[in-house]
Amino acid sequence: MNIIINGRHLELTDTLKNYAEDKIQKFSKYLTNISEATITLSVEKYRHKAEVLLKVNGAMIQAESITGDMYSSVDEVVEKLGRQVKKHKEKLVSHRKGEENVSEVPGSEESFQPVIKMKAYDIKPMTPEEAAMQLELLEKTFFVFTDSSSGNINVLYKRKDGHFGLIAPAK
């Protein structure tokens, strides 16, 4: 595992580097395919922030922690990463149990779910209000439409609370 440690607005001491490296190195016991770990330690006024990004088989596991002490920030971010690594490993194990072909490596392109059904249709320009009416009529959970005012493709979806949400591209 390649470990990269960056420091922003603080001088990285050898003890701090070694402490962070030792803590992150422990994850290689649980996940053997970690290619890179990027640790960013920064200080802004009295906030000591530790961010860690693990690259595992194309997936990224990230956590950050902000406390009053850098060592406690590193400890806290390691705890958060531990929970995420455990969740990631459980996903891999559950995928293996459900698969017919055990020789397939989880996380590779072949292990992704195939597209079962594909549907193409014309997207007509309309306002979000008209799209909401269409969504109600079709009794679906989402509706893709072109916004008549901006010309962008938007997605209108039904939230769990019964209201609508709109996903629009940033300008």
N, C-alpha and C. Protein backbone atom coordinates (compact mmCIF):
# COMPACT_ATOMS: atom_id res chain seq x y z
N MET A 1 0.86 -1.18 0.00
CA MET A 1 0.00 0.00 0.00
C MET A 1 0.90 1.23 0.00
N ASN A 2 0.58 2.15 -0.89
CA ASN A 2 1.31 3.40 -1.01
C ASN A 2 0.62 4.44 -0.11
N ILE A 3 1.35 4.99 0.86
CA ILE A 3 0.78 5.98 1.78
C ILE A 3 1.38 7.34 1.49
N ILE A 4 0.49 8.30 1.22
CA ILE A 4 0.91 9.68 0.94
C ILE A 4 0.38 10.57 2.07
N ILE A 5 1.27 11.31 2.71
CA ILE A 5 0.85 12.19 3.81
C ILE A 5 1.13 13.63 3.41
N ASN A 6 0.08 14.45 3.46
CA ASN A 6 0.19 15.87 3.14
C ASN A 6 -0.11 16.69 4.38
N GLY A 7 0.53 17.83 4.52
CA GLY A 7 0.26 18.74 5.63
C GLY A 7 -0.07 20.12 5.11
N ARG A 8 -1.16 20.67 5.61
CA ARG A 8 -1.55 22.03 5.23
C ARG A 8 -1.53 22.92 6.47
N HIS A 9 -0.81 23.97 6.40
CA HIS A 9 -0.73 24.96 7.48
C HIS A 9 -0.17 24.35 8.77
N LEU A 10 0.65 23.31 8.64
CA LEU A 10 1.34 22.77 9.80
C LEU A 10 2.60 22.08 9.34
N GLU A 11 3.54 21.99 10.25
CA GLU A 11 4.80 21.33 9.94
C GLU A 11 4.66 19.86 10.34
N LEU A 12 4.83 18.97 9.38
CA LEU A 12 4.70 17.55 9.65
C LEU A 12 5.96 17.05 10.35
N THR A 13 5.79 16.60 11.58
CA THR A 13 6.92 16.03 12.31
C THR A 13 6.99 14.54 12.00
N ASP A 14 8.14 13.96 12.26
CA ASP A 14 8.32 12.53 12.01
C ASP A 14 7.40 11.69 12.90
N THR A 15 7.22 12.14 14.14
CA THR A 15 6.35 11.37 15.05
C THR A 15 4.90 11.39 14.56
N LEU A 16 4.44 12.54 14.08
CA LEU A 16 3.07 12.64 13.57
C LEU A 16 2.91 11.80 12.31
N LYS A 17 3.90 11.84 11.41
CA LYS A 17 3.87 11.02 10.20
C LYS A 17 3.81 9.54 10.55
N ASN A 18 4.69 9.11 11.45
CA ASN A 18 4.74 7.70 11.84
C ASN A 18 3.45 7.26 12.52
N TYR A 19 2.89 8.14 13.36
CA TYR A 19 1.65 7.83 14.06
C TYR A 19 0.52 7.60 13.06
N ALA A 20 0.37 8.51 12.09
CA ALA A 20 -0.69 8.40 11.09
C ALA A 20 -0.45 7.17 10.20
N GLU A 21 0.80 6.94 9.79
CA GLU A 21 1.12 5.77 8.95
C GLU A 21 0.80 4.46 9.65
N ASP A 22 1.18 4.36 10.92
CA ASP A 22 0.92 3.13 11.68
C ASP A 22 -0.57 2.87 11.80
N LYS A 23 -1.35 3.91 12.04
CA LYS A 23 -2.80 3.75 12.19
C LYS A 23 -3.43 3.30 10.87
N ILE A 24 -3.02 3.87 9.76
CA ILE A 24 -3.61 3.55 8.46
C ILE A 24 -3.10 2.19 7.95
N GLN A 25 -1.86 1.86 8.30
CA GLN A 25 -1.27 0.60 7.85
C GLN A 25 -2.08 -0.60 8.35
N LYS A 26 -2.79 -0.45 9.46
CA LYS A 26 -3.57 -1.55 10.03
C LYS A 26 -4.71 -2.00 9.11
N PHE A 27 -5.17 -1.13 8.23
CA PHE A 27 -6.27 -1.48 7.33
C PHE A 27 -5.84 -2.49 6.28
N SER A 28 -4.54 -2.61 6.03
CA SER A 28 -4.08 -3.59 5.04
C SER A 28 -4.31 -5.02 5.52
N LYS A 29 -4.54 -5.22 6.83
CA LYS A 29 -4.88 -6.55 7.35
C LYS A 29 -6.29 -6.95 6.91
N TYR A 30 -7.19 -5.97 6.86
CA TYR A 30 -8.59 -6.24 6.57
C TYR A 30 -8.89 -6.25 5.07
N LEU A 31 -8.27 -5.32 4.35
CA LEU A 31 -8.44 -5.26 2.89
C LEU A 31 -7.07 -5.41 2.26
N THR A 32 -6.88 -6.47 1.53
CA THR A 32 -5.55 -6.73 0.96
C THR A 32 -5.31 -5.94 -0.32
N ASN A 33 -6.36 -5.40 -0.92
CA ASN A 33 -6.21 -4.75 -2.22
C ASN A 33 -6.26 -3.22 -2.14
N ILE A 34 -5.77 -2.62 -1.07
CA ILE A 34 -5.69 -1.15 -0.97
C ILE A 34 -4.48 -0.72 -1.78
N SER A 35 -4.72 0.08 -2.82
CA SER A 35 -3.61 0.50 -3.66
C SER A 35 -2.93 1.76 -3.13
N GLU A 36 -3.73 2.68 -2.56
CA GLU A 36 -3.16 3.95 -2.12
C GLU A 36 -3.96 4.51 -0.95
N ALA A 37 -3.27 5.14 -0.03
CA ALA A 37 -3.91 5.84 1.08
C ALA A 37 -3.35 7.26 1.11
N THR A 38 -4.24 8.25 0.99
CA THR A 38 -3.83 9.64 1.04
C THR A 38 -4.32 10.25 2.35
N ILE A 39 -3.39 10.73 3.14
CA ILE A 39 -3.73 11.34 4.43
C ILE A 39 -3.41 12.82 4.33
N THR A 40 -4.40 13.65 4.64
CA THR A 40 -4.20 15.09 4.63
C THR A 40 -4.47 15.63 6.03
N LEU A 41 -3.45 16.24 6.62
CA LEU A 41 -3.57 16.81 7.95
C LEU A 41 -3.49 18.33 7.81
N SER A 42 -4.48 19.03 8.39
CA SER A 42 -4.47 20.48 8.25
C SER A 42 -4.91 21.14 9.56
N VAL A 43 -4.49 22.39 9.73
CA VAL A 43 -4.86 23.17 10.91
C VAL A 43 -5.43 24.50 10.44
N GLU A 44 -6.62 24.82 10.94
CA GLU A 44 -7.25 26.11 10.69
C GLU A 44 -7.66 26.67 12.04
N LYS A 45 -6.96 27.68 12.49
CA LYS A 45 -7.15 28.24 13.83
C LYS A 45 -6.98 27.13 14.86
N TYR A 46 -8.04 26.78 15.59
CA TYR A 46 -7.93 25.74 16.62
C TYR A 46 -8.52 24.42 16.17
N ARG A 47 -8.83 24.31 14.88
CA ARG A 47 -9.44 23.09 14.34
C ARG A 47 -8.36 22.25 13.67
N HIS A 48 -8.14 21.07 14.21
CA HIS A 48 -7.17 20.14 13.64
C HIS A 48 -7.96 19.09 12.85
N LYS A 49 -7.70 19.06 11.56
CA LYS A 49 -8.49 18.22 10.66
C LYS A 49 -7.62 17.12 10.07
N ALA A 50 -8.18 15.90 10.07
CA ALA A 50 -7.51 14.75 9.45
C ALA A 50 -8.46 14.17 8.41
N GLU A 51 -7.99 14.04 7.18
CA GLU A 51 -8.77 13.44 6.10
C GLU A 51 -7.99 12.26 5.55
N VAL A 52 -8.70 11.16 5.28
CA VAL A 52 -8.06 9.97 4.72
C VAL A 52 -8.88 9.48 3.54
N LEU A 53 -8.20 9.14 2.46
CA LEU A 53 -8.84 8.59 1.27
C LEU A 53 -8.13 7.29 0.92
N LEU A 54 -8.89 6.19 0.98
CA LEU A 54 -8.34 4.88 0.62
C LEU A 54 -8.86 4.50 -0.76
N LYS A 55 -7.97 4.06 -1.63
CA LYS A 55 -8.37 3.57 -2.95
C LYS A 55 -8.29 2.05 -2.92
N VAL A 56 -9.47 1.42 -3.06
CA VAL A 56 -9.58 -0.03 -2.95
C VAL A 56 -10.26 -0.56 -4.20
N ASN A 57 -9.53 -1.26 -5.06
CA ASN A 57 -10.12 -1.87 -6.26
C ASN A 57 -11.02 -0.92 -7.05
N GLY A 58 -10.62 0.31 -7.22
CA GLY A 58 -11.44 1.26 -7.96
C GLY A 58 -12.44 1.99 -7.09
N ALA A 59 -12.76 1.47 -5.92
CA ALA A 59 -13.68 2.16 -5.00
C ALA A 59 -12.86 3.10 -4.12
N MET A 60 -13.53 4.12 -3.62
CA MET A 60 -12.86 5.07 -2.74
C MET A 60 -13.58 5.08 -1.40
N ILE A 61 -12.82 4.97 -0.33
CA ILE A 61 -13.37 5.05 1.01
C ILE A 61 -12.74 6.27 1.66
N GLN A 62 -13.59 7.19 2.13
CA GLN A 62 -13.10 8.47 2.62
C GLN A 62 -13.71 8.79 3.97
N ALA A 63 -12.92 9.42 4.82
CA ALA A 63 -13.43 9.88 6.11
C ALA A 63 -12.63 11.11 6.53
N GLU A 64 -13.26 11.94 7.36
CA GLU A 64 -12.55 13.11 7.89
C GLU A 64 -13.01 13.36 9.32
N SER A 65 -12.15 14.02 10.08
CA SER A 65 -12.44 14.30 11.48
C SER A 65 -11.82 15.63 11.86
N ILE A 66 -12.56 16.40 12.66
CA ILE A 66 -12.07 17.69 13.13
C ILE A 66 -12.18 17.71 14.65
N THR A 67 -11.05 17.90 15.33
CA THR A 67 -11.04 18.02 16.79
C THR A 67 -10.06 19.12 17.18
N GLY A 68 -9.80 19.23 18.47
CA GLY A 68 -8.87 20.25 18.95
C GLY A 68 -7.43 19.78 18.98
N ASP A 69 -7.17 18.50 18.74
CA ASP A 69 -5.83 17.94 18.78
C ASP A 69 -5.62 17.05 17.55
N MET A 70 -4.46 17.13 16.94
CA MET A 70 -4.22 16.39 15.70
C MET A 70 -4.22 14.88 15.94
N TYR A 71 -3.64 14.44 17.04
CA TYR A 71 -3.59 13.00 17.31
C TYR A 71 -5.00 12.43 17.53
N SER A 72 -5.85 13.18 18.23
CA SER A 72 -7.22 12.69 18.43
C SER A 72 -8.00 12.74 17.12
N SER A 73 -7.69 13.68 16.23
CA SER A 73 -8.32 13.72 14.91
C SER A 73 -7.95 12.47 14.11
N VAL A 74 -6.69 12.08 14.19
CA VAL A 74 -6.24 10.88 13.48
C VAL A 74 -6.94 9.65 14.06
N ASP A 75 -7.03 9.58 15.39
CA ASP A 75 -7.72 8.44 16.02
C ASP A 75 -9.18 8.37 15.60
N GLU A 76 -9.85 9.52 15.59
CA GLU A 76 -11.27 9.55 15.23
C GLU A 76 -11.49 9.18 13.76
N VAL A 77 -10.63 9.66 12.88
CA VAL A 77 -10.78 9.35 11.46
C VAL A 77 -10.51 7.86 11.22
N VAL A 78 -9.63 7.26 11.99
CA VAL A 78 -9.36 5.83 11.87
C VAL A 78 -10.58 5.03 12.32
N GLU A 79 -11.27 5.48 13.38
CA GLU A 79 -12.50 4.82 13.82
C GLU A 79 -13.57 4.88 12.73
N LYS A 80 -13.74 6.06 12.13
CA LYS A 80 -14.73 6.22 11.05
C LYS A 80 -14.38 5.33 9.87
N LEU A 81 -13.11 5.31 9.49
CA LEU A 81 -12.67 4.46 8.38
C LEU A 81 -12.89 2.99 8.70
N GLY A 82 -12.67 2.62 9.94
CA GLY A 82 -12.87 1.24 10.36
C GLY A 82 -14.30 0.78 10.10
N ARG A 83 -15.26 1.65 10.44
CA ARG A 83 -16.67 1.32 10.21
C ARG A 83 -16.94 1.20 8.71
N GLN A 84 -16.39 2.11 7.92
CA GLN A 84 -16.62 2.07 6.47
C GLN A 84 -15.95 0.86 5.83
N VAL A 85 -14.76 0.51 6.28
CA VAL A 85 -14.06 -0.65 5.74
C VAL A 85 -14.84 -1.92 6.07
N LYS A 86 -15.38 -1.98 7.29
CA LYS A 86 -16.18 -3.14 7.69
C LYS A 86 -17.41 -3.26 6.80
N LYS A 87 -18.08 -2.12 6.53
CA LYS A 87 -19.25 -2.11 5.66
C LYS A 87 -18.88 -2.55 4.24
N HIS A 88 -17.76 -2.05 3.75
CA HIS A 88 -17.29 -2.40 2.40
C HIS A 88 -17.00 -3.89 2.31
N LYS A 89 -16.35 -4.43 3.33
CA LYS A 89 -16.01 -5.84 3.33
C LYS A 89 -17.27 -6.71 3.41
N GLU A 90 -18.27 -6.28 4.19
CA GLU A 90 -19.53 -7.01 4.27
C GLU A 90 -20.23 -7.04 2.92
N LYS A 91 -20.17 -5.93 2.19
CA LYS A 91 -20.76 -5.89 0.84
C LYS A 91 -20.08 -6.91 -0.07
N LEU A 92 -18.76 -6.96 -0.01
CA LEU A 92 -18.02 -7.90 -0.85
C LEU A 92 -18.39 -9.33 -0.51
N VAL A 93 -18.48 -9.64 0.77
CA VAL A 93 -18.81 -11.00 1.20
C VAL A 93 -20.23 -11.36 0.79
N SER A 94 -21.18 -10.44 0.96
CA SER A 94 -22.57 -10.72 0.60
C SER A 94 -22.71 -10.91 -0.90
N HIS A 95 -21.92 -10.18 -1.71
CA HIS A 95 -21.96 -10.37 -3.16
C HIS A 95 -21.43 -11.75 -3.53
N ARG A 96 -20.42 -12.19 -2.81
CA ARG A 96 -19.83 -13.50 -3.11
C ARG A 96 -20.82 -14.61 -2.83
N LYS A 97 -21.57 -14.50 -1.74
CA LYS A 97 -22.52 -15.55 -1.38
C LYS A 97 -23.64 -15.66 -2.40
N GLY A 98 -24.05 -14.54 -2.96
CA GLY A 98 -25.16 -14.54 -3.90
C GLY A 98 -24.78 -14.92 -5.31
N GLU A 99 -23.49 -14.98 -5.60
CA GLU A 99 -23.05 -15.23 -6.97
C GLU A 99 -23.01 -16.72 -7.27
N GLU A 100 -23.28 -17.06 -8.50
CA GLU A 100 -23.16 -18.45 -8.97
C GLU A 100 -21.69 -18.77 -9.24
N ASN A 101 -21.00 -17.83 -9.89
CA ASN A 101 -19.62 -18.02 -10.29
C ASN A 101 -18.71 -17.40 -9.23
N VAL A 102 -18.05 -18.22 -8.43
CA VAL A 102 -17.25 -17.72 -7.32
C VAL A 102 -15.87 -17.27 -7.80
N SER A 103 -15.47 -17.65 -9.00
CA SER A 103 -14.15 -17.29 -9.50
C SER A 103 -14.06 -15.81 -9.85
N GLU A 104 -15.20 -15.15 -9.96
CA GLU A 104 -15.23 -13.73 -10.32
C GLU A 104 -14.72 -12.87 -9.17
N VAL A 105 -13.88 -11.92 -9.47
CA VAL A 105 -13.31 -11.06 -8.44
C VAL A 105 -14.27 -9.91 -8.15
N PRO A 106 -14.71 -9.71 -6.89
CA PRO A 106 -15.59 -8.59 -6.58
C PRO A 106 -14.88 -7.28 -6.83
N GLY A 107 -15.58 -6.30 -7.33
CA GLY A 107 -14.99 -5.00 -7.60
C GLY A 107 -14.50 -4.86 -9.02
N SER A 108 -14.41 -5.96 -9.75
CA SER A 108 -14.01 -5.86 -11.15
C SER A 108 -15.21 -5.47 -11.98
N GLU A 109 -14.96 -5.10 -13.23
CA GLU A 109 -16.04 -4.63 -14.10
C GLU A 109 -17.09 -5.71 -14.32
N GLU A 110 -16.70 -6.99 -14.32
CA GLU A 110 -17.63 -8.06 -14.59
C GLU A 110 -18.64 -8.25 -13.46
N SER A 111 -18.33 -7.80 -12.24
CA SER A 111 -19.21 -8.06 -11.11
C SER A 111 -20.33 -7.03 -10.98
N PHE A 112 -20.33 -5.98 -11.81
CA PHE A 112 -21.41 -5.00 -11.75
C PHE A 112 -22.68 -5.59 -12.33
N GLN A 113 -23.82 -5.15 -11.80
CA GLN A 113 -25.10 -5.65 -12.27
C GLN A 113 -25.34 -5.20 -13.71
N PRO A 114 -25.77 -6.09 -14.58
CA PRO A 114 -26.03 -5.70 -15.97
C PRO A 114 -27.33 -4.90 -16.06
N VAL A 115 -27.44 -4.11 -17.12
CA VAL A 115 -28.66 -3.37 -17.37
C VAL A 115 -29.68 -4.37 -17.90
N ILE A 116 -30.80 -4.48 -17.21
CA ILE A 116 -31.80 -5.47 -17.58
C ILE A 116 -32.75 -4.93 -18.64
N LYS A 117 -33.19 -3.71 -18.46
CA LYS A 117 -34.16 -3.14 -19.39
C LYS A 117 -33.71 -1.73 -19.77
N MET A 118 -33.88 -1.41 -21.03
CA MET A 118 -33.51 -0.09 -21.50
C MET A 118 -34.69 0.49 -22.25
N LYS A 119 -34.98 1.76 -22.00
CA LYS A 119 -36.12 2.39 -22.64
C LYS A 119 -35.69 3.77 -23.14
N ALA A 120 -36.01 4.05 -24.40
CA ALA A 120 -35.69 5.36 -24.98
C ALA A 120 -37.00 6.05 -25.34
N TYR A 121 -37.06 7.35 -25.08
CA TYR A 121 -38.26 8.10 -25.44
C TYR A 121 -37.88 9.56 -25.67
N ASP A 122 -38.75 10.25 -26.38
CA ASP A 122 -38.52 11.66 -26.66
C ASP A 122 -38.75 12.48 -25.41
N ILE A 123 -37.84 13.40 -25.15
CA ILE A 123 -37.99 14.29 -24.00
C ILE A 123 -38.53 15.61 -24.51
N LYS A 124 -39.72 15.96 -24.05
CA LYS A 124 -40.37 17.19 -24.51
C LYS A 124 -40.07 18.33 -23.54
N PRO A 125 -39.84 19.53 -24.06
CA PRO A 125 -39.63 20.68 -23.18
C PRO A 125 -40.91 20.99 -22.38
N MET A 126 -40.75 21.22 -21.08
CA MET A 126 -41.89 21.57 -20.23
C MET A 126 -41.38 22.22 -18.96
N THR A 127 -42.28 22.81 -18.21
CA THR A 127 -41.94 23.45 -16.94
C THR A 127 -41.92 22.37 -15.85
N PRO A 128 -41.29 22.65 -14.72
CA PRO A 128 -41.31 21.68 -13.62
C PRO A 128 -42.73 21.36 -13.13
N GLU A 129 -43.64 22.33 -13.23
CA GLU A 129 -45.02 22.09 -12.80
C GLU A 129 -45.69 21.07 -13.72
N GLU A 130 -45.45 21.21 -15.05
CA GLU A 130 -46.01 20.25 -16.00
C GLU A 130 -45.40 18.86 -15.78
N ALA A 131 -44.10 18.83 -15.46
CA ALA A 131 -43.44 17.56 -15.20
C ALA A 131 -44.02 16.90 -13.95
N ALA A 132 -44.39 17.70 -12.94
CA ALA A 132 -45.00 17.16 -11.73
C ALA A 132 -46.35 16.53 -12.06
N MET A 133 -47.11 17.18 -12.93
CA MET A 133 -48.40 16.61 -13.34
C MET A 133 -48.18 15.28 -14.08
N GLN A 134 -47.19 15.24 -14.97
CA GLN A 134 -46.88 14.01 -15.70
C GLN A 134 -46.46 12.89 -14.75
N LEU A 135 -45.66 13.25 -13.74
CA LEU A 135 -45.19 12.28 -12.77
C LEU A 135 -46.36 11.67 -12.00
N GLU A 136 -47.32 12.52 -11.63
CA GLU A 136 -48.52 12.05 -10.93
C GLU A 136 -49.36 11.14 -11.83
N LEU A 137 -49.50 11.54 -13.11
CA LEU A 137 -50.30 10.75 -14.04
C LEU A 137 -49.69 9.37 -14.30
N LEU A 138 -48.35 9.34 -14.43
CA LEU A 138 -47.67 8.09 -14.74
C LEU A 138 -47.50 7.19 -13.52
N GLU A 139 -47.67 7.76 -12.34
CA GLU A 139 -47.50 7.03 -11.07
C GLU A 139 -46.13 6.35 -10.99
N LYS A 140 -45.09 7.10 -11.35
CA LYS A 140 -43.71 6.62 -11.26
C LYS A 140 -43.01 7.35 -10.12
N THR A 141 -41.76 6.96 -9.83
CA THR A 141 -41.01 7.62 -8.77
C THR A 141 -40.15 8.78 -9.28
N PHE A 142 -39.89 8.82 -10.59
CA PHE A 142 -39.13 9.94 -11.15
C PHE A 142 -39.57 10.20 -12.58
N PHE A 143 -39.21 11.39 -13.09
CA PHE A 143 -39.57 11.78 -14.45
C PHE A 143 -38.45 12.65 -15.01
N VAL A 144 -37.96 12.30 -16.20
CA VAL A 144 -36.90 13.04 -16.86
C VAL A 144 -37.53 13.95 -17.90
N PHE A 145 -37.13 15.23 -17.89
CA PHE A 145 -37.71 16.18 -18.85
C PHE A 145 -36.71 17.27 -19.16
N THR A 146 -36.97 18.00 -20.26
CA THR A 146 -36.16 19.15 -20.63
C THR A 146 -36.86 20.40 -20.11
N ASP A 147 -36.15 21.20 -19.35
CA ASP A 147 -36.72 22.44 -18.82
C ASP A 147 -36.90 23.42 -19.97
N SER A 148 -38.13 23.90 -20.15
CA SER A 148 -38.42 24.79 -21.27
C SER A 148 -37.73 26.14 -21.14
N SER A 149 -37.45 26.60 -19.93
CA SER A 149 -36.81 27.91 -19.77
C SER A 149 -35.30 27.85 -19.97
N SER A 150 -34.63 26.78 -19.52
CA SER A 150 -33.17 26.71 -19.64
C SER A 150 -32.69 25.77 -20.74
N GLY A 151 -33.52 24.81 -21.14
CA GLY A 151 -33.12 23.83 -22.15
C GLY A 151 -32.31 22.68 -21.59
N ASN A 152 -32.09 22.66 -20.27
CA ASN A 152 -31.32 21.59 -19.63
C ASN A 152 -32.21 20.39 -19.32
N ILE A 153 -31.59 19.23 -19.27
CA ILE A 153 -32.31 18.02 -18.87
C ILE A 153 -32.36 17.98 -17.34
N ASN A 154 -33.56 17.81 -16.79
CA ASN A 154 -33.77 17.76 -15.34
C ASN A 154 -34.44 16.46 -14.97
N VAL A 155 -34.37 16.12 -13.69
CA VAL A 155 -35.05 14.94 -13.16
C VAL A 155 -35.92 15.40 -12.00
N LEU A 156 -37.20 15.06 -12.07
CA LEU A 156 -38.13 15.35 -11.00
C LEU A 156 -38.43 14.02 -10.32
N TYR A 157 -38.34 13.97 -8.99
CA TYR A 157 -38.57 12.72 -8.29
C TYR A 157 -39.49 12.93 -7.10
N LYS A 158 -40.14 11.85 -6.71
CA LYS A 158 -41.05 11.89 -5.57
C LYS A 158 -40.28 11.50 -4.32
N ARG A 159 -40.32 12.36 -3.32
CA ARG A 159 -39.62 12.11 -2.07
C ARG A 159 -40.45 11.22 -1.15
N LYS A 160 -39.82 10.69 -0.13
CA LYS A 160 -40.53 9.82 0.81
C LYS A 160 -41.61 10.56 1.57
N ASP A 161 -41.43 11.88 1.76
CA ASP A 161 -42.44 12.65 2.49
C ASP A 161 -43.61 13.07 1.60
N GLY A 162 -43.61 12.63 0.32
CA GLY A 162 -44.72 12.93 -0.58
C GLY A 162 -44.51 14.16 -1.44
N HIS A 163 -43.52 14.99 -1.12
CA HIS A 163 -43.22 16.17 -1.92
C HIS A 163 -42.34 15.80 -3.10
N PHE A 164 -42.07 16.77 -3.96
CA PHE A 164 -41.23 16.53 -5.12
C PHE A 164 -39.84 17.11 -4.91
N GLY A 165 -38.85 16.50 -5.53
CA GLY A 165 -37.49 17.02 -5.57
C GLY A 165 -37.09 17.20 -7.02
N LEU A 166 -36.24 18.19 -7.27
CA LEU A 166 -35.81 18.48 -8.64
C LEU A 166 -34.30 18.42 -8.70
N ILE A 167 -33.77 17.63 -9.64
CA ILE A 167 -32.33 17.58 -9.88
C ILE A 167 -32.07 18.31 -11.18
N ALA A 168 -31.30 19.39 -11.10
CA ALA A 168 -30.99 20.21 -12.28
C ALA A 168 -29.49 20.40 -12.35
N PRO A 169 -28.91 20.48 -13.56
CA PRO A 169 -27.48 20.71 -13.66
C PRO A 169 -27.08 22.10 -13.17
N ALA A 170 -25.87 22.22 -12.62
CA ALA A 170 -25.38 23.51 -12.14
C ALA A 170 -25.11 24.43 -13.32
N LYS A 171 -25.26 25.69 -13.09
CA LYS A 171 -25.08 26.67 -14.18
C LYS A 171 -23.66 27.08 -14.31
